[in-house]
Amino acid sequence: MGKNQHVVPHNDTWGVKGAGNTRITKTADTQKQAINIAKEIAKNQKSEVVIHRPNGEIRDKNSYGNDPFPPKG
């Protein structure tokens, strides 16, 4: 399983960063573009996308290929 991908504010753009990485993997002009980039990486790595708000708080999470089967609960 790969690293979770975080969509984070980066200067005046949005960045995609692997969990635990100090450097941004890719940048995008909009959050939506950054989310799409992060989704593709997460699908390839079977990991999660963690979407942050401009203030850094987590807004949403989506899993791509790492869900337990059958689902819990």
PDB file of N, CA and C in Angstrom:
ATOM      1  N   MET A   1       0.847  -1.184   0.000  1.00  0.00           N
ATOM      2  CA  MET A   1       0.000   0.000   0.000  1.00  0.00           C
ATOM      3  C   MET A   1       0.883   1.233   0.000  1.00  0.00           C
ATOM      4  N   GLY A   2       0.524   2.239  -0.803  1.00  0.00           N
ATOM      5  CA  GLY A   2       1.291   3.466  -0.899  1.00  0.00           C
ATOM      6  C   GLY A   2       0.931   4.469   0.173  1.00  0.00           C
ATOM      7  N   LYS A   3       1.552   5.612   0.078  1.00  0.00           N
ATOM      8  CA  LYS A   3       1.304   6.690   1.037  1.00  0.00           C
ATOM      9  C   LYS A   3      -0.009   7.385   0.728  1.00  0.00           C
ATOM     10  N   ASN A   4      -0.711   7.797   1.778  1.00  0.00           N
ATOM     11  CA  ASN A   4      -1.895   8.618   1.583  1.00  0.00           C
ATOM     12  C   ASN A   4      -1.477   9.930   0.951  1.00  0.00           C
ATOM     13  N   GLN A   5      -2.327  10.455   0.088  1.00  0.00           N
ATOM     14  CA  GLN A   5      -2.037  11.704  -0.616  1.00  0.00           C
ATOM     15  C   GLN A   5      -2.851  12.833   0.018  1.00  0.00           C
ATOM     16  N   HIS A   6      -2.175  13.899   0.382  1.00  0.00           N
ATOM     17  CA  HIS A   6      -2.825  15.042   1.013  1.00  0.00           C
ATOM     18  C   HIS A   6      -2.909  16.194   0.020  1.00  0.00           C
ATOM     19  N   VAL A   7      -4.106  16.790  -0.083  1.00  0.00           N
ATOM     20  CA  VAL A   7      -4.320  17.991  -0.886  1.00  0.00           C
ATOM     21  C   VAL A   7      -4.265  19.157   0.085  1.00  0.00           C
ATOM     22  N   VAL A   8      -3.240  20.000  -0.072  1.00  0.00           N
ATOM     23  CA  VAL A   8      -2.972  21.053   0.906  1.00  0.00           C
ATOM     24  C   VAL A   8      -2.778  22.407   0.222  1.00  0.00           C
ATOM     25  N   PRO A   9      -3.105  23.495   0.943  1.00  0.00           N
ATOM     26  CA  PRO A   9      -2.795  24.815   0.386  1.00  0.00           C
ATOM     27  C   PRO A   9      -1.278  24.971   0.283  1.00  0.00           C
ATOM     28  N   HIS A  10      -0.819  25.570  -0.819  1.00  0.00           N
ATOM     29  CA  HIS A  10       0.622  25.738  -1.044  1.00  0.00           C
ATOM     30  C   HIS A  10       0.847  27.087  -1.721  1.00  0.00           C
ATOM     31  N   ASN A  11       1.351  28.051  -0.947  1.00  0.00           N
ATOM     32  CA  ASN A  11       1.500  29.426  -1.435  1.00  0.00           C
ATOM     33  C   ASN A  11       0.147  29.903  -1.957  1.00  0.00           C
ATOM     34  N   ASP A  12       0.053  30.304  -3.212  1.00  0.00           N
ATOM     35  CA  ASP A  12      -1.227  30.745  -3.774  1.00  0.00           C
ATOM     36  C   ASP A  12      -1.869  29.664  -4.634  1.00  0.00           C
ATOM     37  N   THR A  13      -1.392  28.426  -4.496  1.00  0.00           N
ATOM     38  CA  THR A  13      -1.923  27.307  -5.275  1.00  0.00           C
ATOM     39  C   THR A  13      -2.306  26.193  -4.313  1.00  0.00           C
ATOM     40  N   TRP A  14      -2.555  25.023  -4.875  1.00  0.00           N
ATOM     41  CA  TRP A  14      -2.835  23.827  -4.087  1.00  0.00           C
ATOM     42  C   TRP A  14      -1.784  22.785  -4.422  1.00  0.00           C
ATOM     43  N   GLY A  15      -1.394  22.023  -3.421  1.00  0.00           N
ATOM     44  CA  GLY A  15      -0.373  21.014  -3.630  1.00  0.00           C
ATOM     45  C   GLY A  15      -0.865  19.638  -3.259  1.00  0.00           C
ATOM     46  N   VAL A  16      -0.211  18.632  -3.852  1.00  0.00           N
ATOM     47  CA  VAL A  16      -0.451  17.230  -3.509  1.00  0.00           C
ATOM     48  C   VAL A  16       0.845  16.740  -2.883  1.00  0.00           C
ATOM     49  N   LYS A  17       0.711  16.133  -1.697  1.00  0.00           N
ATOM     50  CA  LYS A  17       1.893  15.715  -0.953  1.00  0.00           C
ATOM     51  C   LYS A  17       1.636  14.345  -0.342  1.00  0.00           C
ATOM     52  N   GLY A  18       2.583  13.435  -0.482  1.00  0.00           N
ATOM     53  CA  GLY A  18       2.485  12.124   0.147  1.00  0.00           C
ATOM     54  C   GLY A  18       2.624  12.256   1.656  1.00  0.00           C
ATOM     55  N   ALA A  19       1.921  11.423   2.400  1.00  0.00           N
ATOM     56  CA  ALA A  19       1.977  11.458   3.863  1.00  0.00           C
ATOM     57  C   ALA A  19       3.420  11.307   4.333  1.00  0.00           C
ATOM     58  N   GLY A  20       3.843  12.197   5.217  1.00  0.00           N
ATOM     59  CA  GLY A  20       5.184  12.151   5.761  1.00  0.00           C
ATOM     60  C   GLY A  20       6.237  12.851   4.914  1.00  0.00           C
ATOM     61  N   ASN A  21       5.889  13.217   3.690  1.00  0.00           N
ATOM     62  CA  ASN A  21       6.838  13.924   2.834  1.00  0.00           C
ATOM     63  C   ASN A  21       6.912  15.397   3.219  1.00  0.00           C
ATOM     64  N   THR A  22       8.074  15.981   3.066  1.00  0.00           N
ATOM     65  CA  THR A  22       8.218  17.413   3.328  1.00  0.00           C
ATOM     66  C   THR A  22       8.022  18.224   2.056  1.00  0.00           C
ATOM     67  N   ARG A  23       8.195  17.593   0.914  1.00  0.00           N
ATOM     68  CA  ARG A  23       8.073  18.305  -0.357  1.00  0.00           C
ATOM     69  C   ARG A  23       6.751  17.996  -1.047  1.00  0.00           C
ATOM     70  N   ILE A  24       6.252  18.984  -1.778  1.00  0.00           N
ATOM     71  CA  ILE A  24       5.036  18.842  -2.582  1.00  0.00           C
ATOM     72  C   ILE A  24       5.372  18.009  -3.818  1.00  0.00           C
ATOM     73  N   THR A  25       4.514  17.023  -4.129  1.00  0.00           N
ATOM     74  CA  THR A  25       4.710  16.175  -5.308  1.00  0.00           C
ATOM     75  C   THR A  25       4.308  16.920  -6.581  1.00  0.00           C
ATOM     76  N   LYS A  26       3.141  17.554  -6.541  1.00  0.00           N
ATOM     77  CA  LYS A  26       2.610  18.299  -7.696  1.00  0.00           C
ATOM     78  C   LYS A  26       1.838  19.496  -7.192  1.00  0.00           C
ATOM     79  N   THR A  27       1.755  20.539  -8.005  1.00  0.00           N
ATOM     80  CA  THR A  27       0.933  21.699  -7.667  1.00  0.00           C
ATOM     81  C   THR A  27      -0.144  21.881  -8.733  1.00  0.00           C
ATOM     82  N   ALA A  28      -1.218  22.572  -8.337  1.00  0.00           N
ATOM     83  CA  ALA A  28      -2.331  22.859  -9.248  1.00  0.00           C
ATOM     84  C   ALA A  28      -2.895  24.228  -8.898  1.00  0.00           C
ATOM     85  N   ASP A  29      -3.518  24.870  -9.870  1.00  0.00           N
ATOM     86  CA  ASP A  29      -4.090  26.204  -9.648  1.00  0.00           C
ATOM     87  C   ASP A  29      -5.303  26.172  -8.742  1.00  0.00           C
ATOM     88  N   THR A  30      -6.085  25.077  -8.826  1.00  0.00           N
ATOM     89  CA  THR A  30      -7.307  24.993  -8.025  1.00  0.00           C
ATOM     90  C   THR A  30      -7.283  23.739  -7.159  1.00  0.00           C
ATOM     91  N   GLN A  31      -8.095  23.758  -6.110  1.00  0.00           N
ATOM     92  CA  GLN A  31      -8.205  22.590  -5.244  1.00  0.00           C
ATOM     93  C   GLN A  31      -8.779  21.408  -6.022  1.00  0.00           C
ATOM     94  N   LYS A  32      -9.731  21.663  -6.895  1.00  0.00           N
ATOM     95  CA  LYS A  32     -10.354  20.598  -7.676  1.00  0.00           C
ATOM     96  C   LYS A  32      -9.319  19.884  -8.544  1.00  0.00           C
ATOM     97  N   GLN A  33      -8.432  20.652  -9.185  1.00  0.00           N
ATOM     98  CA  GLN A  33      -7.379  20.044  -9.997  1.00  0.00           C
ATOM     99  C   GLN A  33      -6.446  19.202  -9.129  1.00  0.00           C
ATOM    100  N   ALA A  34      -6.098  19.726  -7.957  1.00  0.00           N
ATOM    101  CA  ALA A  34      -5.210  18.999  -7.045  1.00  0.00           C
ATOM    102  C   ALA A  34      -5.866  17.702  -6.561  1.00  0.00           C
ATOM    103  N   ILE A  35      -7.165  17.744  -6.305  1.00  0.00           N
ATOM    104  CA  ILE A  35      -7.889  16.544  -5.878  1.00  0.00           C
ATOM    105  C   ILE A  35      -7.834  15.486  -6.977  1.00  0.00           C
ATOM    106  N   ASN A  36      -8.018  15.895  -8.224  1.00  0.00           N
ATOM    107  CA  ASN A  36      -7.979  14.941  -9.334  1.00  0.00           C
ATOM    108  C   ASN A  36      -6.590  14.308  -9.467  1.00  0.00           C
ATOM    109  N   ILE A  37      -5.542  15.092  -9.295  1.00  0.00           N
ATOM    110  CA  ILE A  37      -4.172  14.563  -9.332  1.00  0.00           C
ATOM    111  C   ILE A  37      -3.972  13.566  -8.194  1.00  0.00           C
ATOM    112  N   ALA A  38      -4.406  13.953  -6.997  1.00  0.00           N
ATOM    113  CA  ALA A  38      -4.249  13.085  -5.830  1.00  0.00           C
ATOM    114  C   ALA A  38      -5.024  11.781  -6.001  1.00  0.00           C
ATOM    115  N   LYS A  39      -6.219  11.845  -6.607  1.00  0.00           N
ATOM    116  CA  LYS A  39      -7.023  10.642  -6.837  1.00  0.00           C
ATOM    117  C   LYS A  39      -6.277   9.643  -7.721  1.00  0.00           C
ATOM    118  N   GLU A  40      -5.666  10.142  -8.792  1.00  0.00           N
ATOM    119  CA  GLU A  40      -4.939   9.257  -9.708  1.00  0.00           C
ATOM    120  C   GLU A  40      -3.773   8.579  -8.998  1.00  0.00           C
ATOM    121  N   ILE A  41      -3.033   9.338  -8.199  1.00  0.00           N
ATOM    122  CA  ILE A  41      -1.906   8.767  -7.453  1.00  0.00           C
ATOM    123  C   ILE A  41      -2.422   7.731  -6.457  1.00  0.00           C
ATOM    124  N   ALA A  42      -3.491   8.080  -5.739  1.00  0.00           N
ATOM    125  CA  ALA A  42      -4.046   7.183  -4.724  1.00  0.00           C
ATOM    126  C   ALA A  42      -4.588   5.895  -5.350  1.00  0.00           C
ATOM    127  N   LYS A  43      -5.207   5.997  -6.514  1.00  0.00           N
ATOM    128  CA  LYS A  43      -5.712   4.794  -7.188  1.00  0.00           C
ATOM    129  C   LYS A  43      -4.548   3.872  -7.548  1.00  0.00           C
ATOM    130  N   ASN A  44      -3.468   4.444  -8.057  1.00  0.00           N
ATOM    131  CA  ASN A  44      -2.299   3.646  -8.426  1.00  0.00           C
ATOM    132  C   ASN A  44      -1.650   3.003  -7.208  1.00  0.00           C
ATOM    133  N   GLN A  45      -1.664   3.697  -6.084  1.00  0.00           N
ATOM    134  CA  GLN A  45      -0.998   3.205  -4.879  1.00  0.00           C
ATOM    135  C   GLN A  45      -1.949   2.513  -3.903  1.00  0.00           C
ATOM    136  N   LYS A  46      -3.241   2.473  -4.255  1.00  0.00           N
ATOM    137  CA  LYS A  46      -4.265   1.895  -3.389  1.00  0.00           C
ATOM    138  C   LYS A  46      -4.202   2.514  -1.988  1.00  0.00           C
ATOM    139  N   SER A  47      -4.312   3.835  -1.968  1.00  0.00           N
ATOM    140  CA  SER A  47      -4.229   4.577  -0.706  1.00  0.00           C
ATOM    141  C   SER A  47      -5.393   5.560  -0.600  1.00  0.00           C
ATOM    142  N   GLU A  48      -5.300   6.495   0.333  1.00  0.00           N
ATOM    143  CA  GLU A  48      -6.367   7.466   0.555  1.00  0.00           C
ATOM    144  C   GLU A  48      -5.973   8.854   0.070  1.00  0.00           C
ATOM    145  N   VAL A  49      -7.001   9.654  -0.211  1.00  0.00           N
ATOM    146  CA  VAL A  49      -6.820  11.085  -0.472  1.00  0.00           C
ATOM    147  C   VAL A  49      -7.390  11.813   0.738  1.00  0.00           C
ATOM    148  N   VAL A  50      -6.595  12.695   1.315  1.00  0.00           N
ATOM    149  CA  VAL A  50      -7.015  13.511   2.449  1.00  0.00           C
ATOM    150  C   VAL A  50      -7.048  14.949   1.957  1.00  0.00           C
ATOM    151  N   ILE A  51      -8.243  15.548   1.967  1.00  0.00           N
ATOM    152  CA  ILE A  51      -8.432  16.901   1.438  1.00  0.00           C
ATOM    153  C   ILE A  51      -8.480  17.885   2.601  1.00  0.00           C
ATOM    154  N   HIS A  52      -7.630  18.899   2.528  1.00  0.00           N
ATOM    155  CA  HIS A  52      -7.552  19.909   3.581  1.00  0.00           C
ATOM    156  C   HIS A  52      -8.227  21.205   3.128  1.00  0.00           C
ATOM    157  N   ARG A  53      -8.726  21.964   4.095  1.00  0.00           N
ATOM    158  CA  ARG A  53      -9.281  23.293   3.836  1.00  0.00           C
ATOM    159  C   ARG A  53      -8.127  24.291   3.737  1.00  0.00           C
ATOM    160  N   PRO A  54      -8.399  25.502   3.262  1.00  0.00           N
ATOM    161  CA  PRO A  54      -7.331  26.514   3.194  1.00  0.00           C
ATOM    162  C   PRO A  54      -6.655  26.778   4.542  1.00  0.00           C
ATOM    163  N   ASN A  55      -7.377  26.569   5.663  1.00  0.00           N
ATOM    164  CA  ASN A  55      -6.779  26.799   6.979  1.00  0.00           C
ATOM    165  C   ASN A  55      -6.029  25.564   7.494  1.00  0.00           C
ATOM    166  N   GLY A  56      -5.991  24.488   6.697  1.00  0.00           N
ATOM    167  CA  GLY A  56      -5.249  23.299   7.070  1.00  0.00           C
ATOM    168  C   GLY A  56      -6.078  22.185   7.681  1.00  0.00           C
ATOM    169  N   GLU A  57      -7.310  22.479   8.115  1.00  0.00           N
ATOM    170  CA  GLU A  57      -8.170  21.445   8.690  1.00  0.00           C
ATOM    171  C   GLU A  57      -8.534  20.410   7.625  1.00  0.00           C
ATOM    172  N   ILE A  58      -8.745  19.176   8.063  1.00  0.00           N
ATOM    173  CA  ILE A  58      -9.172  18.132   7.135  1.00  0.00           C
ATOM    174  C   ILE A  58     -10.640  18.337   6.789  1.00  0.00           C
ATOM    175  N   ARG A  59     -10.924  18.383   5.494  1.00  0.00           N
ATOM    176  CA  ARG A  59     -12.281  18.579   4.996  1.00  0.00           C
ATOM    177  C   ARG A  59     -12.952  17.262   4.652  1.00  0.00           C
ATOM    178  N   ASP A  60     -12.175  16.336   4.071  1.00  0.00           N
ATOM    179  CA  ASP A  60     -12.769  15.094   3.583  1.00  0.00           C
ATOM    180  C   ASP A  60     -11.666  14.066   3.364  1.00  0.00           C
ATOM    181  N   LYS A  61     -12.066  12.776   3.335  1.00  0.00           N
ATOM    182  CA  LYS A  61     -11.148  11.681   3.028  1.00  0.00           C
ATOM    183  C   LYS A  61     -11.850  10.725   2.082  1.00  0.00           C
ATOM    184  N   ASN A  62     -11.100  10.176   1.147  1.00  0.00           N
ATOM    185  CA  ASN A  62     -11.630   9.163   0.244  1.00  0.00           C
ATOM    186  C   ASN A  62     -10.604   8.057   0.102  1.00  0.00           C
ATOM    187  N   SER A  63     -11.070   6.811   0.146  1.00  0.00           N
ATOM    188  CA  SER A  63     -10.189   5.661   0.035  1.00  0.00           C
ATOM    189  C   SER A  63     -10.270   5.084  -1.372  1.00  0.00           C
ATOM    190  N   TYR A  64      -9.119   4.677  -1.902  1.00  0.00           N
ATOM    191  CA  TYR A  64      -9.056   4.098  -3.251  1.00  0.00           C
ATOM    192  C   TYR A  64      -8.332   2.761  -3.202  1.00  0.00           C
ATOM    193  N   GLY A  65      -9.093   1.689  -2.939  1.00  0.00           N
ATOM    194  CA  GLY A  65      -8.531   0.357  -2.998  1.00  0.00           C
ATOM    195  C   GLY A  65      -8.077  -0.206  -1.669  1.00  0.00           C
ATOM    196  N   ASN A  66      -8.270   0.499  -0.578  1.00  0.00           N
ATOM    197  CA  ASN A  66      -7.813   0.007   0.711  1.00  0.00           C
ATOM    198  C   ASN A  66      -8.978  -0.272   1.654  1.00  0.00           C
ATOM    199  N   ASP A  67     -10.162  -0.433   1.109  1.00  0.00           N
ATOM    200  CA  ASP A  67     -11.338  -0.672   1.940  1.00  0.00           C
ATOM    201  C   ASP A  67     -11.399  -2.129   2.371  1.00  0.00           C
ATOM    202  N   PRO A  68     -11.758  -2.386   3.630  1.00  0.00           N
ATOM    203  CA  PRO A  68     -11.917  -3.766   4.063  1.00  0.00           C
ATOM    204  C   PRO A  68     -13.142  -4.393   3.416  1.00  0.00           C
ATOM    205  N   PHE A  69     -13.101  -5.683   3.166  1.00  0.00           N
ATOM    206  CA  PHE A  69     -14.254  -6.376   2.610  1.00  0.00           C
ATOM    207  C   PHE A  69     -14.498  -7.613   3.437  1.00  0.00           C
ATOM    208  N   PRO A  70     -15.662  -7.841   3.973  1.00  0.00           N
ATOM    209  CA  PRO A  70     -16.807  -6.932   3.877  1.00  0.00           C
ATOM    210  C   PRO A  70     -16.618  -5.690   4.738  1.00  0.00           C
ATOM    211  N   PRO A  71     -17.342  -4.609   4.409  1.00  0.00           N
ATOM    212  CA  PRO A  71     -17.203  -3.376   5.178  1.00  0.00           C
ATOM    213  C   PRO A  71     -17.599  -3.579   6.638  1.00  0.00           C
ATOM    214  N   LYS A  72     -16.937  -2.855   7.515  1.00  0.00           N
ATOM    215  CA  LYS A  72     -17.269  -2.913   8.943  1.00  0.00           C
ATOM    216  C   LYS A  72     -18.522  -2.116   9.222  1.00  0.00           C
ATOM    217  N   GLY A  73     -19.299  -2.567  10.213  1.00  0.00           N
ATOM    218  CA  GLY A  73     -20.420  -1.808  10.731  1.00  0.00           C
ATOM    219  C   GLY A  73     -21.606  -1.806   9.877  1.00  0.00           C
TER     220      GLY A  73
END
